[in-house]
PDB file of N, CA and C in Angstrom:
ATOM      1  N   MET A   1      13.201  11.284 -41.432  1.00  0.00           N
ATOM      2  CA  MET A   1      14.086  10.910 -40.374  1.00  0.00           C
ATOM      3  C   MET A   1      14.648   9.537 -40.722  1.00  0.00           C
ATOM      4  N   THR A   2      15.937   9.397 -40.590  1.00  0.00           N
ATOM      5  CA  THR A   2      16.607   8.136 -40.894  1.00  0.00           C
ATOM      6  C   THR A   2      17.165   7.540 -39.613  1.00  0.00           C
ATOM      7  N   PHE A   3      16.980   6.262 -39.438  1.00  0.00           N
ATOM      8  CA  PHE A   3      17.484   5.562 -38.265  1.00  0.00           C
ATOM      9  C   PHE A   3      18.586   4.614 -38.702  1.00  0.00           C
ATOM     10  N   GLY A   4      19.629   4.548 -37.926  1.00  0.00           N
ATOM     11  CA  GLY A   4      20.743   3.682 -38.289  1.00  0.00           C
ATOM     12  C   GLY A   4      21.475   3.212 -37.050  1.00  0.00           C
ATOM     13  N   GLY A   5      22.707   2.832 -37.242  1.00  0.00           N
ATOM     14  CA  GLY A   5      23.499   2.315 -36.134  1.00  0.00           C
ATOM     15  C   GLY A   5      23.303   0.826 -35.990  1.00  0.00           C
ATOM     16  N   GLU A   6      23.654   0.323 -34.841  1.00  0.00           N
ATOM     17  CA  GLU A   6      23.585  -1.119 -34.613  1.00  0.00           C
ATOM     18  C   GLU A   6      22.189  -1.599 -34.242  1.00  0.00           C
ATOM     19  N   ALA A   7      21.363  -0.734 -33.677  1.00  0.00           N
ATOM     20  CA  ALA A   7      20.011  -1.139 -33.277  1.00  0.00           C
ATOM     21  C   ALA A   7      19.099  -1.210 -34.494  1.00  0.00           C
ATOM     22  N   ASP A   8      18.124  -2.096 -34.438  1.00  0.00           N
ATOM     23  CA  ASP A   8      17.159  -2.280 -35.521  1.00  0.00           C
ATOM     24  C   ASP A   8      16.447  -0.951 -35.809  1.00  0.00           C
ATOM     25  N   PRO A   9      16.527  -0.451 -37.051  1.00  0.00           N
ATOM     26  CA  PRO A   9      15.880   0.813 -37.381  1.00  0.00           C
ATOM     27  C   PRO A   9      14.362   0.791 -37.178  1.00  0.00           C
ATOM     28  N   LEU A  10      13.723  -0.367 -37.345  1.00  0.00           N
ATOM     29  CA  LEU A  10      12.279  -0.441 -37.129  1.00  0.00           C
ATOM     30  C   LEU A  10      11.925  -0.330 -35.648  1.00  0.00           C
ATOM     31  N   VAL A  11      12.792  -0.830 -34.788  1.00  0.00           N
ATOM     32  CA  VAL A  11      12.593  -0.660 -33.344  1.00  0.00           C
ATOM     33  C   VAL A  11      12.759   0.821 -32.988  1.00  0.00           C
ATOM     34  N   GLN A  12      13.771   1.457 -33.556  1.00  0.00           N
ATOM     35  CA  GLN A  12      13.988   2.875 -33.286  1.00  0.00           C
ATOM     36  C   GLN A  12      12.793   3.711 -33.736  1.00  0.00           C
ATOM     37  N   LYS A  13      12.318   3.464 -34.947  1.00  0.00           N
ATOM     38  CA  LYS A  13      11.171   4.204 -35.472  1.00  0.00           C
ATOM     39  C   LYS A  13       9.937   3.940 -34.613  1.00  0.00           C
ATOM     40  N   SER A  14       9.747   2.697 -34.193  1.00  0.00           N
ATOM     41  CA  SER A  14       8.609   2.344 -33.347  1.00  0.00           C
ATOM     42  C   SER A  14       8.642   3.103 -32.030  1.00  0.00           C
ATOM     43  N   LEU A  15       9.818   3.215 -31.453  1.00  0.00           N
ATOM     44  CA  LEU A  15       9.949   3.902 -30.181  1.00  0.00           C
ATOM     45  C   LEU A  15       9.631   5.393 -30.325  1.00  0.00           C
ATOM     46  N   VAL A  16      10.140   6.014 -31.376  1.00  0.00           N
ATOM     47  CA  VAL A  16       9.836   7.433 -31.605  1.00  0.00           C
ATOM     48  C   VAL A  16       8.334   7.607 -31.825  1.00  0.00           C
ATOM     49  N   GLN A  17       7.746   6.738 -32.641  1.00  0.00           N
ATOM     50  CA  GLN A  17       6.311   6.828 -32.901  1.00  0.00           C
ATOM     51  C   GLN A  17       5.512   6.641 -31.611  1.00  0.00           C
ATOM     52  N   GLN A  18       5.899   5.678 -30.799  1.00  0.00           N
ATOM     53  CA  GLN A  18       5.232   5.427 -29.525  1.00  0.00           C
ATOM     54  C   GLN A  18       5.256   6.663 -28.640  1.00  0.00           C
ATOM     55  N   GLU A  19       6.423   7.278 -28.522  1.00  0.00           N
ATOM     56  CA  GLU A  19       6.568   8.431 -27.632  1.00  0.00           C
ATOM     57  C   GLU A  19       5.832   9.662 -28.168  1.00  0.00           C
ATOM     58  N   LEU A  20       5.828   9.854 -29.491  1.00  0.00           N
ATOM     59  CA  LEU A  20       5.084  10.980 -30.053  1.00  0.00           C
ATOM     60  C   LEU A  20       3.583  10.776 -29.877  1.00  0.00           C
ATOM     61  N   ILE A  21       3.104   9.564 -30.092  1.00  0.00           N
ATOM     62  CA  ILE A  21       1.675   9.295 -29.895  1.00  0.00           C
ATOM     63  C   ILE A  21       1.304   9.485 -28.434  1.00  0.00           C
ATOM     64  N   ARG A  22       2.185   9.087 -27.549  1.00  0.00           N
ATOM     65  CA  ARG A  22       1.947   9.289 -26.110  1.00  0.00           C
ATOM     66  C   ARG A  22       1.761  10.776 -25.793  1.00  0.00           C
ATOM     67  N   ALA A  23       2.459  11.628 -26.543  1.00  0.00           N
ATOM     68  CA  ALA A  23       2.350  13.075 -26.355  1.00  0.00           C
ATOM     69  C   ALA A  23       1.203  13.683 -27.166  1.00  0.00           C
ATOM     70  N   GLY A  24       0.474  12.839 -27.916  1.00  0.00           N
ATOM     71  CA  GLY A  24      -0.657  13.340 -28.677  1.00  0.00           C
ATOM     72  C   GLY A  24      -0.312  13.810 -30.081  1.00  0.00           C
ATOM     73  N   ILE A  25       0.864  13.424 -30.577  1.00  0.00           N
ATOM     74  CA  ILE A  25       1.313  13.805 -31.913  1.00  0.00           C
ATOM     75  C   ILE A  25       1.251  12.576 -32.814  1.00  0.00           C
ATOM     76  N   LEU A  26       0.441  12.651 -33.872  1.00  0.00           N
ATOM     77  CA  LEU A  26       0.357  11.556 -34.826  1.00  0.00           C
ATOM     78  C   LEU A  26       1.554  11.629 -35.762  1.00  0.00           C
ATOM     79  N   TRP A  27       2.309  10.545 -35.846  1.00  0.00           N
ATOM     80  CA  TRP A  27       3.529  10.500 -36.658  1.00  0.00           C
ATOM     81  C   TRP A  27       3.656   9.127 -37.266  1.00  0.00           C
ATOM     82  N   THR A  28       3.928   9.086 -38.558  1.00  0.00           N
ATOM     83  CA  THR A  28       4.094   7.810 -39.239  1.00  0.00           C
ATOM     84  C   THR A  28       5.400   7.761 -40.013  1.00  0.00           C
ATOM     85  N   GLY A  29       6.381   8.514 -39.586  1.00  0.00           N
ATOM     86  CA  GLY A  29       7.672   8.540 -40.264  1.00  0.00           C
ATOM     87  C   GLY A  29       7.967   9.885 -40.887  1.00  0.00           C
ATOM     88  N   PHE A  30       6.978  10.737 -40.953  1.00  0.00           N
ATOM     89  CA  PHE A  30       7.174  12.097 -41.444  1.00  0.00           C
ATOM     90  C   PHE A  30       6.153  12.981 -40.751  1.00  0.00           C
ATOM     91  N   HIS A  31       6.354  14.265 -40.849  1.00  0.00           N
ATOM     92  CA  HIS A  31       5.449  15.194 -40.180  1.00  0.00           C
ATOM     93  C   HIS A  31       5.238  16.403 -41.068  1.00  0.00           C
ATOM     94  N   THR A  32       4.003  16.818 -41.196  1.00  0.00           N
ATOM     95  CA  THR A  32       3.669  17.965 -42.020  1.00  0.00           C
ATOM     96  C   THR A  32       2.943  18.999 -41.181  1.00  0.00           C
ATOM     97  N   MET A  33       3.493  20.180 -41.132  1.00  0.00           N
ATOM     98  CA  MET A  33       2.830  21.301 -40.466  1.00  0.00           C
ATOM     99  C   MET A  33       2.229  22.194 -41.554  1.00  0.00           C
ATOM    100  N   CYS A  34       1.209  22.960 -41.197  1.00  0.00           N
ATOM    101  CA  CYS A  34       0.601  23.862 -42.168  1.00  0.00           C
ATOM    102  C   CYS A  34       0.199  25.154 -41.464  1.00  0.00           C
ATOM    103  N   TYR A  35      -0.316  26.096 -42.236  1.00  0.00           N
ATOM    104  CA  TYR A  35      -0.705  27.394 -41.673  1.00  0.00           C
ATOM    105  C   TYR A  35      -1.856  27.289 -40.683  1.00  0.00           C
ATOM    106  N   ALA A  36      -2.580  26.197 -40.675  1.00  0.00           N
ATOM    107  CA  ALA A  36      -3.659  26.014 -39.709  1.00  0.00           C
ATOM    108  C   ALA A  36      -3.119  25.764 -38.301  1.00  0.00           C
ATOM    109  N   HIS A  37      -1.851  25.349 -38.201  1.00  0.00           N
ATOM    110  CA  HIS A  37      -1.232  25.132 -36.897  1.00  0.00           C
ATOM    111  C   HIS A  37      -0.789  26.469 -36.319  1.00  0.00           C
ATOM    112  N   SER A  38      -1.039  26.643 -35.046  1.00  0.00           N
ATOM    113  CA  SER A  38      -0.636  27.880 -34.371  1.00  0.00           C
ATOM    114  C   SER A  38       0.825  27.781 -33.929  1.00  0.00           C
ATOM    115  N   GLU A  39       1.360  28.889 -33.482  1.00  0.00           N
ATOM    116  CA  GLU A  39       2.726  28.883 -32.949  1.00  0.00           C
ATOM    117  C   GLU A  39       2.808  27.960 -31.729  1.00  0.00           C
ATOM    118  N   ALA A  40       1.742  27.932 -30.947  1.00  0.00           N
ATOM    119  CA  ALA A  40       1.709  27.032 -29.781  1.00  0.00           C
ATOM    120  C   ALA A  40       1.729  25.571 -30.232  1.00  0.00           C
ATOM    121  N   ASP A  41       1.037  25.267 -31.345  1.00  0.00           N
ATOM    122  CA  ASP A  41       1.060  23.900 -31.888  1.00  0.00           C
ATOM    123  C   ASP A  41       2.480  23.501 -32.286  1.00  0.00           C
ATOM    124  N   VAL A  42       3.181  24.425 -32.940  1.00  0.00           N
ATOM    125  CA  VAL A  42       4.553  24.153 -33.372  1.00  0.00           C
ATOM    126  C   VAL A  42       5.445  23.949 -32.154  1.00  0.00           C
ATOM    127  N   ASP A  43       5.313  24.817 -31.154  1.00  0.00           N
ATOM    128  CA  ASP A  43       6.119  24.686 -29.932  1.00  0.00           C
ATOM    129  C   ASP A  43       5.844  23.358 -29.237  1.00  0.00           C
ATOM    130  N   TYR A  44       4.567  22.969 -29.158  1.00  0.00           N
ATOM    131  CA  TYR A  44       4.202  21.709 -28.510  1.00  0.00           C
ATOM    132  C   TYR A  44       4.797  20.520 -29.278  1.00  0.00           C
ATOM    133  N   THR A  45       4.717  20.588 -30.597  1.00  0.00           N
ATOM    134  CA  THR A  45       5.252  19.514 -31.428  1.00  0.00           C
ATOM    135  C   THR A  45       6.758  19.388 -31.262  1.00  0.00           C
ATOM    136  N   LEU A  46       7.448  20.509 -31.253  1.00  0.00           N
ATOM    137  CA  LEU A  46       8.901  20.473 -31.058  1.00  0.00           C
ATOM    138  C   LEU A  46       9.264  19.896 -29.694  1.00  0.00           C
ATOM    139  N   GLU A  47       8.498  20.252 -28.679  1.00  0.00           N
ATOM    140  CA  GLU A  47       8.751  19.701 -27.338  1.00  0.00           C
ATOM    141  C   GLU A  47       8.495  18.194 -27.321  1.00  0.00           C
ATOM    142  N   ALA A  48       7.459  17.748 -28.031  1.00  0.00           N
ATOM    143  CA  ALA A  48       7.177  16.309 -28.121  1.00  0.00           C
ATOM    144  C   ALA A  48       8.322  15.579 -28.814  1.00  0.00           C
ATOM    145  N   TYR A  49       8.871  16.183 -29.873  1.00  0.00           N
ATOM    146  CA  TYR A  49      10.020  15.571 -30.551  1.00  0.00           C
ATOM    147  C   TYR A  49      11.231  15.513 -29.625  1.00  0.00           C
ATOM    148  N   ARG A  50      11.459  16.570 -28.851  1.00  0.00           N
ATOM    149  CA  ARG A  50      12.581  16.542 -27.893  1.00  0.00           C
ATOM    150  C   ARG A  50      12.421  15.368 -26.928  1.00  0.00           C
ATOM    151  N   GLY A  51      11.210  15.188 -26.432  1.00  0.00           N
ATOM    152  CA  GLY A  51      10.957  14.076 -25.517  1.00  0.00           C
ATOM    153  C   GLY A  51      11.133  12.723 -26.179  1.00  0.00           C
ATOM    154  N   ALA A  52      10.608  12.581 -27.379  1.00  0.00           N
ATOM    155  CA  ALA A  52      10.687  11.297 -28.090  1.00  0.00           C
ATOM    156  C   ALA A  52      12.125  10.954 -28.458  1.00  0.00           C
ATOM    157  N   LEU A  53      12.863  11.938 -28.952  1.00  0.00           N
ATOM    158  CA  LEU A  53      14.257  11.676 -29.330  1.00  0.00           C
ATOM    159  C   LEU A  53      15.126  11.464 -28.095  1.00  0.00           C
ATOM    160  N   GLY A  54      14.780  12.116 -26.985  1.00  0.00           N
ATOM    161  CA  GLY A  54      15.483  11.855 -25.727  1.00  0.00           C
ATOM    162  C   GLY A  54      15.235  10.430 -25.249  1.00  0.00           C
ATOM    163  N   ALA A  55      13.986   9.975 -25.374  1.00  0.00           N
ATOM    164  CA  ALA A  55      13.665   8.596 -24.999  1.00  0.00           C
ATOM    165  C   ALA A  55      14.417   7.614 -25.891  1.00  0.00           C
ATOM    166  N   LEU A  56      14.528   7.931 -27.178  1.00  0.00           N
ATOM    167  CA  LEU A  56      15.289   7.069 -28.084  1.00  0.00           C
ATOM    168  C   LEU A  56      16.760   7.030 -27.687  1.00  0.00           C
ATOM    169  N   ALA A  57      17.326   8.184 -27.379  1.00  0.00           N
ATOM    170  CA  ALA A  57      18.740   8.229 -26.980  1.00  0.00           C
ATOM    171  C   ALA A  57      18.979   7.391 -25.727  1.00  0.00           C
ATOM    172  N   ARG A  58      18.095   7.521 -24.739  1.00  0.00           N
ATOM    173  CA  ARG A  58      18.246   6.730 -23.505  1.00  0.00           C
ATOM    174  C   ARG A  58      18.100   5.233 -23.791  1.00  0.00           C
ATOM    175  N   ALA A  59      17.157   4.883 -24.665  1.00  0.00           N
ATOM    176  CA  ALA A  59      16.955   3.469 -25.012  1.00  0.00           C
ATOM    177  C   ALA A  59      18.165   2.903 -25.723  1.00  0.00           C
ATOM    178  N   LEU A  60      18.765   3.687 -26.621  1.00  0.00           N
ATOM    179  CA  LEU A  60      19.962   3.227 -27.318  1.00  0.00           C
ATOM    180  C   LEU A  60      21.133   3.084 -26.360  1.00  0.00           C
ATOM    181  N   GLU A  61      21.261   4.006 -25.417  1.00  0.00           N
ATOM    182  CA  GLU A  61      22.331   3.928 -24.418  1.00  0.00           C
ATOM    183  C   GLU A  61      22.172   2.692 -23.541  1.00  0.00           C
ATOM    184  N   SER A  62      20.934   2.267 -23.307  1.00  0.00           N
ATOM    185  CA  SER A  62      20.688   1.092 -22.461  1.00  0.00           C
ATOM    186  C   SER A  62      21.149  -0.189 -23.147  1.00  0.00           C
ATOM    187  N   GLY A  63      21.284  -0.129 -24.482  1.00  0.00           N
ATOM    188  CA  GLY A  63      21.700  -1.314 -25.227  1.00  0.00           C
ATOM    189  C   GLY A  63      20.563  -2.237 -25.619  1.00  0.00           C
ATOM    190  N   ASP A  64      19.341  -1.928 -25.166  1.00  0.00           N
ATOM    191  CA  ASP A  64      18.192  -2.775 -25.490  1.00  0.00           C
ATOM    192  C   ASP A  64      16.972  -1.906 -25.753  1.00  0.00           C
ATOM    193  N   PRO A  65      16.961  -1.180 -26.887  1.00  0.00           N
ATOM    194  CA  PRO A  65      15.846  -0.276 -27.151  1.00  0.00           C
ATOM    195  C   PRO A  65      14.500  -0.999 -27.292  1.00  0.00           C
ATOM    196  N   ALA A  66      14.497  -2.238 -27.734  1.00  0.00           N
ATOM    197  CA  ALA A  66      13.235  -2.976 -27.887  1.00  0.00           C
ATOM    198  C   ALA A  66      12.516  -3.152 -26.550  1.00  0.00           C
ATOM    199  N   SER A  67      13.263  -3.178 -25.459  1.00  0.00           N
ATOM    200  CA  SER A  67      12.644  -3.350 -24.145  1.00  0.00           C
ATOM    201  C   SER A  67      11.812  -2.139 -23.733  1.00  0.00           C
ATOM    202  N   GLN A  68      11.993  -1.026 -24.410  1.00  0.00           N
ATOM    203  CA  GLN A  68      11.248   0.194 -24.093  1.00  0.00           C
ATOM    204  C   GLN A  68       9.925   0.287 -24.842  1.00  0.00           C
ATOM    205  N   LEU A  69       9.678  -0.648 -25.769  1.00  0.00           N
ATOM    206  CA  LEU A  69       8.432  -0.635 -26.523  1.00  0.00           C
ATOM    207  C   LEU A  69       7.305  -1.238 -25.702  1.00  0.00           C
ATOM    208  N   ARG A  70       6.124  -0.660 -25.805  1.00  0.00           N
ATOM    209  CA  ARG A  70       4.962  -1.190 -25.100  1.00  0.00           C
ATOM    210  C   ARG A  70       4.269  -2.283 -25.910  1.00  0.00           C
ATOM    211  N   GLY A  71       4.704  -2.491 -27.117  1.00  0.00           N
ATOM    212  CA  GLY A  71       4.174  -3.535 -27.987  1.00  0.00           C
ATOM    213  C   GLY A  71       5.298  -3.992 -28.901  1.00  0.00           C
ATOM    214  N   GLY A  72       4.944  -4.578 -30.004  1.00  0.00           N
ATOM    215  CA  GLY A  72       5.943  -5.019 -30.963  1.00  0.00           C
ATOM    216  C   GLY A  72       6.398  -3.873 -31.855  1.00  0.00           C
ATOM    217  N   ALA A  73       7.517  -4.090 -32.502  1.00  0.00           N
ATOM    218  CA  ALA A  73       8.031  -3.102 -33.452  1.00  0.00           C
ATOM    219  C   ALA A  73       7.175  -3.109 -34.711  1.00  0.00           C
ATOM    220  N   ILE A  74       7.140  -1.984 -35.392  1.00  0.00           N
ATOM    221  CA  ILE A  74       6.446  -1.918 -36.671  1.00  0.00           C
ATOM    222  C   ILE A  74       7.120  -2.860 -37.654  1.00  0.00           C
ATOM    223  N   GLN A  75       6.401  -3.263 -38.655  1.00  0.00           N
ATOM    224  CA  GLN A  75       6.913  -4.190 -39.657  1.00  0.00           C
ATOM    225  C   GLN A  75       6.925  -3.508 -41.020  1.00  0.00           C
ATOM    226  N   PRO A  76       7.820  -3.919 -41.906  1.00  0.00           N
ATOM    227  CA  PRO A  76       7.831  -3.334 -43.248  1.00  0.00           C
ATOM    228  C   PRO A  76       6.519  -3.625 -43.973  1.00  0.00           C
ATOM    229  N   VAL A  77       6.083  -2.677 -44.771  1.00  0.00           N
ATOM    230  CA  VAL A  77       4.853  -2.855 -45.535  1.00  0.00           C
ATOM    231  C   VAL A  77       5.163  -3.417 -46.911  1.00  0.00           C
ATOM    232  N   PHE A  78       6.216  -2.900 -47.521  1.00  0.00           N
ATOM    233  CA  PHE A  78       6.582  -3.318 -48.867  1.00  0.00           C
ATOM    234  C   PHE A  78       7.816  -4.196 -48.806  1.00  0.00           C
ATOM    235  N   ARG A  79       7.860  -5.177 -49.646  1.00  0.00           N
ATOM    236  CA  ARG A  79       9.024  -6.058 -49.718  1.00  0.00           C
ATOM    237  C   ARG A  79       9.559  -6.013 -51.134  1.00  0.00           C
ATOM    238  N   ALA A  80      10.785  -5.584 -51.271  1.00  0.00           N
ATOM    239  CA  ALA A  80      11.413  -5.504 -52.589  1.00  0.00           C
ATOM    240  C   ALA A  80      11.960  -6.872 -52.978  1.00  0.00           C
ATOM    241  N   ALA A  81      11.923  -7.172 -54.253  1.00  0.00           N
ATOM    242  CA  ALA A  81      12.418  -8.456 -54.746  1.00  0.00           C
ATOM    243  C   ALA A  81      13.930  -8.574 -54.584  1.00  0.00           C
ATOM    244  N   THR A  82      14.624  -7.444 -54.473  1.00  0.00           N
ATOM    245  CA  THR A  82      16.077  -7.468 -54.367  1.00  0.00           C
ATOM    246  C   THR A  82      16.560  -7.702 -52.948  1.00  0.00           C
ATOM    247  N   GLY A  83      15.658  -7.624 -51.981  1.00  0.00           N
ATOM    248  CA  GLY A  83      16.069  -7.783 -50.591  1.00  0.00           C
ATOM    249  C   GLY A  83      16.443  -6.474 -49.923  1.00  0.00           C
ATOM    250  N   PHE A  84      16.392  -5.372 -50.663  1.00  0.00           N
ATOM    251  CA  PHE A  84      16.716  -4.066 -50.086  1.00  0.00           C
ATOM    252  C   PHE A  84      15.623  -3.645 -49.112  1.00  0.00           C
ATOM    253  N   ASN A  85      16.019  -3.219 -47.928  1.00  0.00           N
ATOM    254  CA  ASN A  85      15.115  -2.659 -46.926  1.00  0.00           C
ATOM    255  C   ASN A  85      14.007  -3.639 -46.531  1.00  0.00           C
ATOM    256  N   THR A  86      14.347  -4.886 -46.345  1.00  0.00           N
ATOM    257  CA  THR A  86      13.369  -5.873 -45.916  1.00  0.00           C
ATOM    258  C   THR A  86      13.730  -6.381 -44.526  1.00  0.00           C
ATOM    259  N   LYS A  87      12.737  -6.921 -43.886  1.00  0.00           N
ATOM    260  CA  LYS A  87      12.935  -7.474 -42.554  1.00  0.00           C
ATOM    261  C   LYS A  87      13.826  -8.715 -42.674  1.00  0.00           C
ATOM    262  N   PRO A  88      14.870  -8.814 -41.859  1.00  0.00           N
ATOM    263  CA  PRO A  88      15.722 -10.002 -41.908  1.00  0.00           C
ATOM    264  C   PRO A  88      14.955 -11.243 -41.450  1.00  0.00           C
ATOM    265  N   LYS A  89      15.294 -12.373 -42.010  1.00  0.00           N
ATOM    266  CA  LYS A  89      14.664 -13.626 -41.632  1.00  0.00           C
ATOM    267  C   LYS A  89      15.133 -14.035 -40.237  1.00  0.00           C
ATOM    268  N   ALA A  90      14.224 -14.599 -39.470  1.00  0.00           N
ATOM    269  CA  ALA A  90      14.577 -15.085 -38.143  1.00  0.00           C
ATOM    270  C   ALA A  90      15.505 -16.283 -38.280  1.00  0.00           C
ATOM    271  N   PRO A  91      16.474 -16.419 -37.374  1.00  0.00           N
ATOM    272  CA  PRO A  91      17.373 -17.586 -37.441  1.00  0.00           C
ATOM    273  C   PRO A  91      16.599 -18.873 -37.208  1.00  0.00           C
ATOM    274  N   ALA A  92      17.022 -19.922 -37.869  1.00  0.00           N
ATOM    275  CA  ALA A  92      16.385 -21.240 -37.713  1.00  0.00           C
ATOM    276  C   ALA A  92      16.659 -21.778 -36.321  1.00  0.00           C
ATOM    277  N   ARG A  93      15.670 -22.437 -35.775  1.00  0.00           N
ATOM    278  CA  ARG A  93      15.827 -22.997 -34.410  1.00  0.00           C
ATOM    279  C   ARG A  93      16.055 -24.455 -34.452  1.00  0.00           C
TER     280      ARG A  93
END
């Protein structure tokens, strides 16, 4: 899943992760189903995604998706030397 637009992609990913975990679905940016999952498991997971993506859409429409997080946004784990896909530096105060 790719997040874009004007809102911080890490805030968007955090919100989706928050809402999926709230529904009991463990998600870290990807999801893997297997034959051990029942049809009911798949249906439940799809419904959880509908809820999470709906919450993301509403948060984006509000103009302040970060306000919907119950904690802080996730942070990048890896930092590339080129500056690609890194957390922007906070403005100097």
